Amino acid sequence: MAKKRKVTKKKKTTKKKAAKRKKAPKGLWSKADINLLKKLFPTNPTSRIAKQLRRKTDAVKKKASRMGLRKSKTYLKSIGRA
């Protein structure tokens, strides 16, 4: 005869404390996020901006494109693209 298995309760996992800056609901951009994007986009790498905003790089690129934001000529020269 097969032995009966003990049923164990799942352990509750504790969530890490939320960061100081709350994350916006999926897909929504707060005014603060938009202002920060306007300020940082021309002179900073998109990946760094994405980390700061806690968004995917592609989402930042798409939002910047829709807003008509472009990298500055000095930034593009500094990375060897202009």
PDB file of N, CA and C in Angstrom:
ATOM      1  N   MET A   1       0.821  -1.187   0.000  1.00  0.00           N
ATOM      2  CA  MET A   1       0.000   0.000   0.000  1.00  0.00           C
ATOM      3  C   MET A   1       0.865   1.251   0.000  1.00  0.00           C
ATOM      4  N   ALA A   2       0.386   2.236  -0.679  1.00  0.00           N
ATOM      5  CA  ALA A   2       1.143   3.485  -0.775  1.00  0.00           C
ATOM      6  C   ALA A   2       1.008   4.271   0.520  1.00  0.00           C
ATOM      7  N   LYS A   3       2.103   4.931   0.859  1.00  0.00           N
ATOM      8  CA  LYS A   3       2.079   5.753   2.068  1.00  0.00           C
ATOM      9  C   LYS A   3       1.343   7.051   1.782  1.00  0.00           C
ATOM     10  N   LYS A   4       0.666   7.544   2.784  1.00  0.00           N
ATOM     11  CA  LYS A   4      -0.026   8.819   2.640  1.00  0.00           C
ATOM     12  C   LYS A   4       0.983   9.951   2.786  1.00  0.00           C
ATOM     13  N   ARG A   5       0.820  10.934   1.925  1.00  0.00           N
ATOM     14  CA  ARG A   5       1.702  12.091   2.000  1.00  0.00           C
ATOM     15  C   ARG A   5       1.118  13.117   2.952  1.00  0.00           C
ATOM     16  N   LYS A   6       2.005  13.773   3.653  1.00  0.00           N
ATOM     17  CA  LYS A   6       1.560  14.841   4.542  1.00  0.00           C
ATOM     18  C   LYS A   6       1.269  16.079   3.713  1.00  0.00           C
ATOM     19  N   VAL A   7       0.181  16.715   4.018  1.00  0.00           N
ATOM     20  CA  VAL A   7      -0.170  17.951   3.335  1.00  0.00           C
ATOM     21  C   VAL A   7       0.450  19.092   4.131  1.00  0.00           C
ATOM     22  N   THR A   8       1.308  19.833   3.455  1.00  0.00           N
ATOM     23  CA  THR A   8       1.952  20.947   4.147  1.00  0.00           C
ATOM     24  C   THR A   8       1.398  22.263   3.622  1.00  0.00           C
ATOM     25  N   LYS A   9       1.324  23.202   4.511  1.00  0.00           N
ATOM     26  CA  LYS A   9       0.852  24.524   4.120  1.00  0.00           C
ATOM     27  C   LYS A   9       1.985  25.266   3.426  1.00  0.00           C
ATOM     28  N   LYS A  10       1.611  26.053   2.441  1.00  0.00           N
ATOM     29  CA  LYS A  10       2.615  26.855   1.754  1.00  0.00           C
ATOM     30  C   LYS A  10       3.051  27.991   2.668  1.00  0.00           C
ATOM     31  N   LYS A  11       4.336  28.260   2.626  1.00  0.00           N
ATOM     32  CA  LYS A  11       4.854  29.355   3.430  1.00  0.00           C
ATOM     33  C   LYS A  11       4.496  30.676   2.769  1.00  0.00           C
ATOM     34  N   LYS A  12       4.141  31.606   3.588  1.00  0.00           N
ATOM     35  CA  LYS A  12       3.840  32.934   3.068  1.00  0.00           C
ATOM     36  C   LYS A  12       5.159  33.645   2.802  1.00  0.00           C
ATOM     37  N   THR A  13       5.261  34.199   1.617  1.00  0.00           N
ATOM     38  CA  THR A  13       6.472  34.939   1.297  1.00  0.00           C
ATOM     39  C   THR A  13       6.248  36.400   1.627  1.00  0.00           C
ATOM     40  N   THR A  14       7.264  36.995   2.167  1.00  0.00           N
ATOM     41  CA  THR A  14       7.144  38.407   2.491  1.00  0.00           C
ATOM     42  C   THR A  14       7.631  39.224   1.314  1.00  0.00           C
ATOM     43  N   LYS A  15       6.860  40.212   0.991  1.00  0.00           N
ATOM     44  CA  LYS A  15       7.236  41.079  -0.115  1.00  0.00           C
ATOM     45  C   LYS A  15       8.240  42.109   0.382  1.00  0.00           C
ATOM     46  N   LYS A  16       9.140  42.469  -0.513  1.00  0.00           N
ATOM     47  CA  LYS A  16      10.103  43.502  -0.164  1.00  0.00           C
ATOM     48  C   LYS A  16       9.377  44.831  -0.059  1.00  0.00           C
ATOM     49  N   LYS A  17       9.925  45.703   0.743  1.00  0.00           N
ATOM     50  CA  LYS A  17       9.311  47.018   0.886  1.00  0.00           C
ATOM     51  C   LYS A  17       9.325  47.734  -0.448  1.00  0.00           C
ATOM     52  N   ALA A  18       8.261  48.426  -0.709  1.00  0.00           N
ATOM     53  CA  ALA A  18       8.152  49.175  -1.966  1.00  0.00           C
ATOM     54  C   ALA A  18       9.167  50.308  -1.970  1.00  0.00           C
ATOM     55  N   ALA A  19       9.635  50.632  -3.135  1.00  0.00           N
ATOM     56  CA  ALA A  19      10.586  51.728  -3.273  1.00  0.00           C
ATOM     57  C   ALA A  19       9.904  53.046  -2.923  1.00  0.00           C
ATOM     58  N   LYS A  20      10.708  54.063  -2.726  1.00  0.00           N
ATOM     59  CA  LYS A  20      10.159  55.367  -2.360  1.00  0.00           C
ATOM     60  C   LYS A  20       9.225  55.899  -3.435  1.00  0.00           C
ATOM     61  N   ARG A  21       9.585  55.651  -4.694  1.00  0.00           N
ATOM     62  CA  ARG A  21       8.799  56.155  -5.814  1.00  0.00           C
ATOM     63  C   ARG A  21       7.829  55.072  -6.253  1.00  0.00           C
ATOM     64  N   LYS A  22       6.554  55.367  -6.235  1.00  0.00           N
ATOM     65  CA  LYS A  22       5.563  54.370  -6.624  1.00  0.00           C
ATOM     66  C   LYS A  22       5.550  54.195  -8.127  1.00  0.00           C
ATOM     67  N   LYS A  23       5.320  52.986  -8.556  1.00  0.00           N
ATOM     68  CA  LYS A  23       5.251  52.689  -9.980  1.00  0.00           C
ATOM     69  C   LYS A  23       3.842  53.004 -10.484  1.00  0.00           C
ATOM     70  N   ALA A  24       3.786  53.639 -11.635  1.00  0.00           N
ATOM     71  CA  ALA A  24       2.493  53.988 -12.229  1.00  0.00           C
ATOM     72  C   ALA A  24       1.813  52.725 -12.740  1.00  0.00           C
ATOM     73  N   PRO A  25       0.497  52.736 -12.819  1.00  0.00           N
ATOM     74  CA  PRO A  25      -0.198  51.585 -13.400  1.00  0.00           C
ATOM     75  C   PRO A  25       0.311  51.325 -14.813  1.00  0.00           C
ATOM     76  N   LYS A  26       0.231  50.092 -15.217  1.00  0.00           N
ATOM     77  CA  LYS A  26       0.795  49.677 -16.500  1.00  0.00           C
ATOM     78  C   LYS A  26       0.336  50.580 -17.642  1.00  0.00           C
ATOM     79  N   GLY A  27       1.317  51.113 -18.354  1.00  0.00           N
ATOM     80  CA  GLY A  27       1.030  51.896 -19.537  1.00  0.00           C
ATOM     81  C   GLY A  27       0.774  53.376 -19.302  1.00  0.00           C
ATOM     82  N   LEU A  28       0.502  53.771 -18.079  1.00  0.00           N
ATOM     83  CA  LEU A  28       0.218  55.176 -17.814  1.00  0.00           C
ATOM     84  C   LEU A  28       1.495  55.912 -17.420  1.00  0.00           C
ATOM     85  N   TRP A  29       1.631  57.107 -17.930  1.00  0.00           N
ATOM     86  CA  TRP A  29       2.785  57.943 -17.620  1.00  0.00           C
ATOM     87  C   TRP A  29       2.309  59.114 -16.773  1.00  0.00           C
ATOM     88  N   SER A  30       2.915  59.278 -15.606  1.00  0.00           N
ATOM     89  CA  SER A  30       2.561  60.416 -14.759  1.00  0.00           C
ATOM     90  C   SER A  30       3.210  61.678 -15.323  1.00  0.00           C
ATOM     91  N   LYS A  31       2.732  62.815 -14.874  1.00  0.00           N
ATOM     92  CA  LYS A  31       3.317  64.082 -15.318  1.00  0.00           C
ATOM     93  C   LYS A  31       4.779  64.168 -14.899  1.00  0.00           C
ATOM     94  N   ALA A  32       5.079  63.651 -13.718  1.00  0.00           N
ATOM     95  CA  ALA A  32       6.463  63.670 -13.234  1.00  0.00           C
ATOM     96  C   ALA A  32       7.358  62.821 -14.135  1.00  0.00           C
ATOM     97  N   ASP A  33       6.857  61.656 -14.561  1.00  0.00           N
ATOM     98  CA  ASP A  33       7.628  60.791 -15.459  1.00  0.00           C
ATOM     99  C   ASP A  33       7.870  61.475 -16.799  1.00  0.00           C
ATOM    100  N   ILE A  34       6.850  62.134 -17.324  1.00  0.00           N
ATOM    101  CA  ILE A  34       6.970  62.818 -18.614  1.00  0.00           C
ATOM    102  C   ILE A  34       7.966  63.974 -18.518  1.00  0.00           C
ATOM    103  N   ASN A  35       7.882  64.739 -17.431  1.00  0.00           N
ATOM    104  CA  ASN A  35       8.821  65.851 -17.250  1.00  0.00           C
ATOM    105  C   ASN A  35      10.254  65.354 -17.126  1.00  0.00           C
ATOM    106  N   LEU A  36      10.440  64.255 -16.408  1.00  0.00           N
ATOM    107  CA  LEU A  36      11.777  63.682 -16.262  1.00  0.00           C
ATOM    108  C   LEU A  36      12.290  63.168 -17.606  1.00  0.00           C
ATOM    109  N   LEU A  37      11.419  62.560 -18.377  1.00  0.00           N
ATOM    110  CA  LEU A  37      11.798  62.075 -19.702  1.00  0.00           C
ATOM    111  C   LEU A  37      12.220  63.242 -20.598  1.00  0.00           C
ATOM    112  N   LYS A  38      11.459  64.326 -20.575  1.00  0.00           N
ATOM    113  CA  LYS A  38      11.804  65.508 -21.375  1.00  0.00           C
ATOM    114  C   LYS A  38      13.173  66.058 -20.981  1.00  0.00           C
ATOM    115  N   LYS A  39      13.448  66.046 -19.692  1.00  0.00           N
ATOM    116  CA  LYS A  39      14.700  66.600 -19.182  1.00  0.00           C
ATOM    117  C   LYS A  39      15.900  65.704 -19.516  1.00  0.00           C
ATOM    118  N   LEU A  40      15.734  64.400 -19.350  1.00  0.00           N
ATOM    119  CA  LEU A  40      16.867  63.484 -19.460  1.00  0.00           C
ATOM    120  C   LEU A  40      17.116  62.923 -20.854  1.00  0.00           C
ATOM    121  N   PHE A  41      16.090  62.798 -21.663  1.00  0.00           N
ATOM    122  CA  PHE A  41      16.221  62.070 -22.924  1.00  0.00           C
ATOM    123  C   PHE A  41      17.295  62.610 -23.867  1.00  0.00           C
ATOM    124  N   PRO A  42      17.395  63.917 -24.075  1.00  0.00           N
ATOM    125  CA  PRO A  42      18.374  64.398 -25.057  1.00  0.00           C
ATOM    126  C   PRO A  42      19.833  64.096 -24.719  1.00  0.00           C
ATOM    127  N   THR A  43      20.172  63.969 -23.452  1.00  0.00           N
ATOM    128  CA  THR A  43      21.586  63.877 -23.080  1.00  0.00           C
ATOM    129  C   THR A  43      21.970  62.629 -22.291  1.00  0.00           C
ATOM    130  N   ASN A  44      21.090  61.659 -22.184  1.00  0.00           N
ATOM    131  CA  ASN A  44      21.384  60.457 -21.400  1.00  0.00           C
ATOM    132  C   ASN A  44      21.035  59.200 -22.178  1.00  0.00           C
ATOM    133  N   PRO A  45      21.725  58.087 -21.869  1.00  0.00           N
ATOM    134  CA  PRO A  45      21.382  56.819 -22.522  1.00  0.00           C
ATOM    135  C   PRO A  45      19.956  56.392 -22.158  1.00  0.00           C
ATOM    136  N   THR A  46      19.266  55.858 -23.126  1.00  0.00           N
ATOM    137  CA  THR A  46      17.876  55.445 -22.920  1.00  0.00           C
ATOM    138  C   THR A  46      17.779  54.368 -21.845  1.00  0.00           C
ATOM    139  N   SER A  47      18.760  53.482 -21.788  1.00  0.00           N
ATOM    140  CA  SER A  47      18.726  52.411 -20.785  1.00  0.00           C
ATOM    141  C   SER A  47      18.785  52.976 -19.369  1.00  0.00           C
ATOM    142  N   ARG A  48      19.574  54.019 -19.166  1.00  0.00           N
ATOM    143  CA  ARG A  48      19.676  54.640 -17.844  1.00  0.00           C
ATOM    144  C   ARG A  48      18.355  55.312 -17.467  1.00  0.00           C
ATOM    145  N   ILE A  49      17.737  55.972 -18.432  1.00  0.00           N
ATOM    146  CA  ILE A  49      16.449  56.629 -18.187  1.00  0.00           C
ATOM    147  C   ILE A  49      15.389  55.582 -17.844  1.00  0.00           C
ATOM    148  N   ALA A  50      15.411  54.469 -18.567  1.00  0.00           N
ATOM    149  CA  ALA A  50      14.440  53.395 -18.328  1.00  0.00           C
ATOM    150  C   ALA A  50      14.574  52.847 -16.912  1.00  0.00           C
ATOM    151  N   LYS A  51      15.802  52.657 -16.453  1.00  0.00           N
ATOM    152  CA  LYS A  51      16.011  52.166 -15.090  1.00  0.00           C
ATOM    153  C   LYS A  51      15.489  53.162 -14.071  1.00  0.00           C
ATOM    154  N   GLN A  52      15.758  54.436 -14.317  1.00  0.00           N
ATOM    155  CA  GLN A  52      15.326  55.467 -13.383  1.00  0.00           C
ATOM    156  C   GLN A  52      13.800  55.556 -13.315  1.00  0.00           C
ATOM    157  N   LEU A  53      13.150  55.363 -14.452  1.00  0.00           N
ATOM    158  CA  LEU A  53      11.690  55.434 -14.499  1.00  0.00           C
ATOM    159  C   LEU A  53      11.026  54.093 -14.183  1.00  0.00           C
ATOM    160  N   ARG A  54      11.834  53.056 -14.044  1.00  0.00           N
ATOM    161  CA  ARG A  54      11.345  51.689 -13.808  1.00  0.00           C
ATOM    162  C   ARG A  54      10.396  51.245 -14.915  1.00  0.00           C
ATOM    163  N   ARG A  55      10.884  51.419 -16.139  1.00  0.00           N
ATOM    164  CA  ARG A  55      10.133  51.015 -17.321  1.00  0.00           C
ATOM    165  C   ARG A  55      11.072  50.299 -18.266  1.00  0.00           C
ATOM    166  N   LYS A  56      10.492  49.611 -19.233  1.00  0.00           N
ATOM    167  CA  LYS A  56      11.305  48.930 -20.230  1.00  0.00           C
ATOM    168  C   LYS A  56      11.894  49.958 -21.186  1.00  0.00           C
ATOM    169  N   THR A  57      13.076  49.630 -21.704  1.00  0.00           N
ATOM    170  CA  THR A  57      13.758  50.529 -22.632  1.00  0.00           C
ATOM    171  C   THR A  57      12.885  50.838 -23.840  1.00  0.00           C
ATOM    172  N   ASP A  58      12.229  49.826 -24.369  1.00  0.00           N
ATOM    173  CA  ASP A  58      11.364  50.037 -25.536  1.00  0.00           C
ATOM    174  C   ASP A  58      10.211  50.989 -25.233  1.00  0.00           C
ATOM    175  N   ALA A  59       9.679  50.926 -24.023  1.00  0.00           N
ATOM    176  CA  ALA A  59       8.581  51.820 -23.644  1.00  0.00           C
ATOM    177  C   ALA A  59       9.061  53.269 -23.612  1.00  0.00           C
ATOM    178  N   VAL A  60      10.282  53.470 -23.120  1.00  0.00           N
ATOM    179  CA  VAL A  60      10.846  54.821 -23.068  1.00  0.00           C
ATOM    180  C   VAL A  60      11.101  55.335 -24.480  1.00  0.00           C
ATOM    181  N   LYS A  61      11.655  54.485 -25.337  1.00  0.00           N
ATOM    182  CA  LYS A  61      11.912  54.880 -26.729  1.00  0.00           C
ATOM    183  C   LYS A  61      10.610  55.263 -27.433  1.00  0.00           C
ATOM    184  N   LYS A  62       9.587  54.444 -27.239  1.00  0.00           N
ATOM    185  CA  LYS A  62       8.307  54.687 -27.908  1.00  0.00           C
ATOM    186  C   LYS A  62       7.665  55.986 -27.422  1.00  0.00           C
ATOM    187  N   LYS A  63       7.698  56.212 -26.111  1.00  0.00           N
ATOM    188  CA  LYS A  63       7.103  57.433 -25.556  1.00  0.00           C
ATOM    189  C   LYS A  63       7.861  58.659 -26.053  1.00  0.00           C
ATOM    190  N   ALA A  64       9.181  58.593 -26.068  1.00  0.00           N
ATOM    191  CA  ALA A  64       9.990  59.718 -26.541  1.00  0.00           C
ATOM    192  C   ALA A  64       9.698  60.005 -28.010  1.00  0.00           C
ATOM    193  N   SER A  65       9.545  58.959 -28.788  1.00  0.00           N
ATOM    194  CA  SER A  65       9.249  59.118 -30.207  1.00  0.00           C
ATOM    195  C   SER A  65       7.890  59.779 -30.406  1.00  0.00           C
ATOM    196  N   ARG A  66       6.909  59.326 -29.656  1.00  0.00           N
ATOM    197  CA  ARG A  66       5.563  59.901 -29.761  1.00  0.00           C
ATOM    198  C   ARG A  66       5.529  61.362 -29.333  1.00  0.00           C
ATOM    199  N   MET A  67       6.426  61.718 -28.401  1.00  0.00           N
ATOM    200  CA  MET A  67       6.498  63.096 -27.928  1.00  0.00           C
ATOM    201  C   MET A  67       7.380  63.957 -28.831  1.00  0.00           C
ATOM    202  N   GLY A  68       8.053  63.333 -29.775  1.00  0.00           N
ATOM    203  CA  GLY A  68       8.920  64.078 -30.685  1.00  0.00           C
ATOM    204  C   GLY A  68      10.275  64.418 -30.094  1.00  0.00           C
ATOM    205  N   LEU A  69      10.679  63.707 -29.049  1.00  0.00           N
ATOM    206  CA  LEU A  69      11.977  63.963 -28.417  1.00  0.00           C
ATOM    207  C   LEU A  69      13.084  63.307 -29.229  1.00  0.00           C
ATOM    208  N   ARG A  70      14.224  63.978 -29.279  1.00  0.00           N
ATOM    209  CA  ARG A  70      15.373  63.447 -30.011  1.00  0.00           C
ATOM    210  C   ARG A  70      16.621  63.606 -29.149  1.00  0.00           C
ATOM    211  N   LYS A  71      17.616  62.791 -29.415  1.00  0.00           N
ATOM    212  CA  LYS A  71      18.903  62.920 -28.736  1.00  0.00           C
ATOM    213  C   LYS A  71      19.599  64.171 -29.270  1.00  0.00           C
ATOM    214  N   SER A  72      20.343  64.857 -28.403  1.00  0.00           N
ATOM    215  CA  SER A  72      21.035  66.070 -28.833  1.00  0.00           C
ATOM    216  C   SER A  72      22.238  65.718 -29.704  1.00  0.00           C
ATOM    217  N   LYS A  73      22.649  66.657 -30.532  1.00  0.00           N
ATOM    218  CA  LYS A  73      23.799  66.425 -31.410  1.00  0.00           C
ATOM    219  C   LYS A  73      25.065  66.189 -30.601  1.00  0.00           C
ATOM    220  N   THR A  74      25.229  66.923 -29.496  1.00  0.00           N
ATOM    221  CA  THR A  74      26.432  66.742 -28.676  1.00  0.00           C
ATOM    222  C   THR A  74      26.461  65.347 -28.057  1.00  0.00           C
ATOM    223  N   TYR A  75      25.307  64.856 -27.629  1.00  0.00           N
ATOM    224  CA  TYR A  75      25.256  63.501 -27.069  1.00  0.00           C
ATOM    225  C   TYR A  75      25.582  62.471 -28.145  1.00  0.00           C
ATOM    226  N   LEU A  76      25.001  62.625 -29.320  1.00  0.00           N
ATOM    227  CA  LEU A  76      25.258  61.681 -30.409  1.00  0.00           C
ATOM    228  C   LEU A  76      26.729  61.685 -30.807  1.00  0.00           C
ATOM    229  N   LYS A  77      27.362  62.868 -30.802  1.00  0.00           N
ATOM    230  CA  LYS A  77      28.796  62.944 -31.101  1.00  0.00           C
ATOM    231  C   LYS A  77      29.603  62.218 -30.036  1.00  0.00           C
ATOM    232  N   SER A  78      29.203  62.375 -28.786  1.00  0.00           N
ATOM    233  CA  SER A  78      29.951  61.763 -27.681  1.00  0.00           C
ATOM    234  C   SER A  78      29.921  60.236 -27.738  1.00  0.00           C
ATOM    235  N   ILE A  79      28.886  59.672 -28.353  1.00  0.00           N
ATOM    236  CA  ILE A  79      28.833  58.212 -28.471  1.00  0.00           C
ATOM    237  C   ILE A  79      29.239  57.748 -29.863  1.00  0.00           C
ATOM    238  N   GLY A  80      29.688  58.704 -30.690  1.00  0.00           N
ATOM    239  CA  GLY A  80      30.206  58.365 -32.009  1.00  0.00           C
ATOM    240  C   GLY A  80      29.154  58.053 -33.051  1.00  0.00           C
ATOM    241  N   ARG A  81      27.992  58.678 -32.957  1.00  0.00           N
ATOM    242  CA  ARG A  81      26.927  58.395 -33.919  1.00  0.00           C
ATOM    243  C   ARG A  81      26.562  59.583 -34.787  1.00  0.00           C
ATOM    244  N   ALA A  82      27.293  60.681 -34.654  1.00  0.00           N
ATOM    245  CA  ALA A  82      26.953  61.849 -35.488  1.00  0.00           C
ATOM    246  C   ALA A  82      28.190  62.434 -36.131  1.00  0.00           C
TER     247      ALA A  82
END
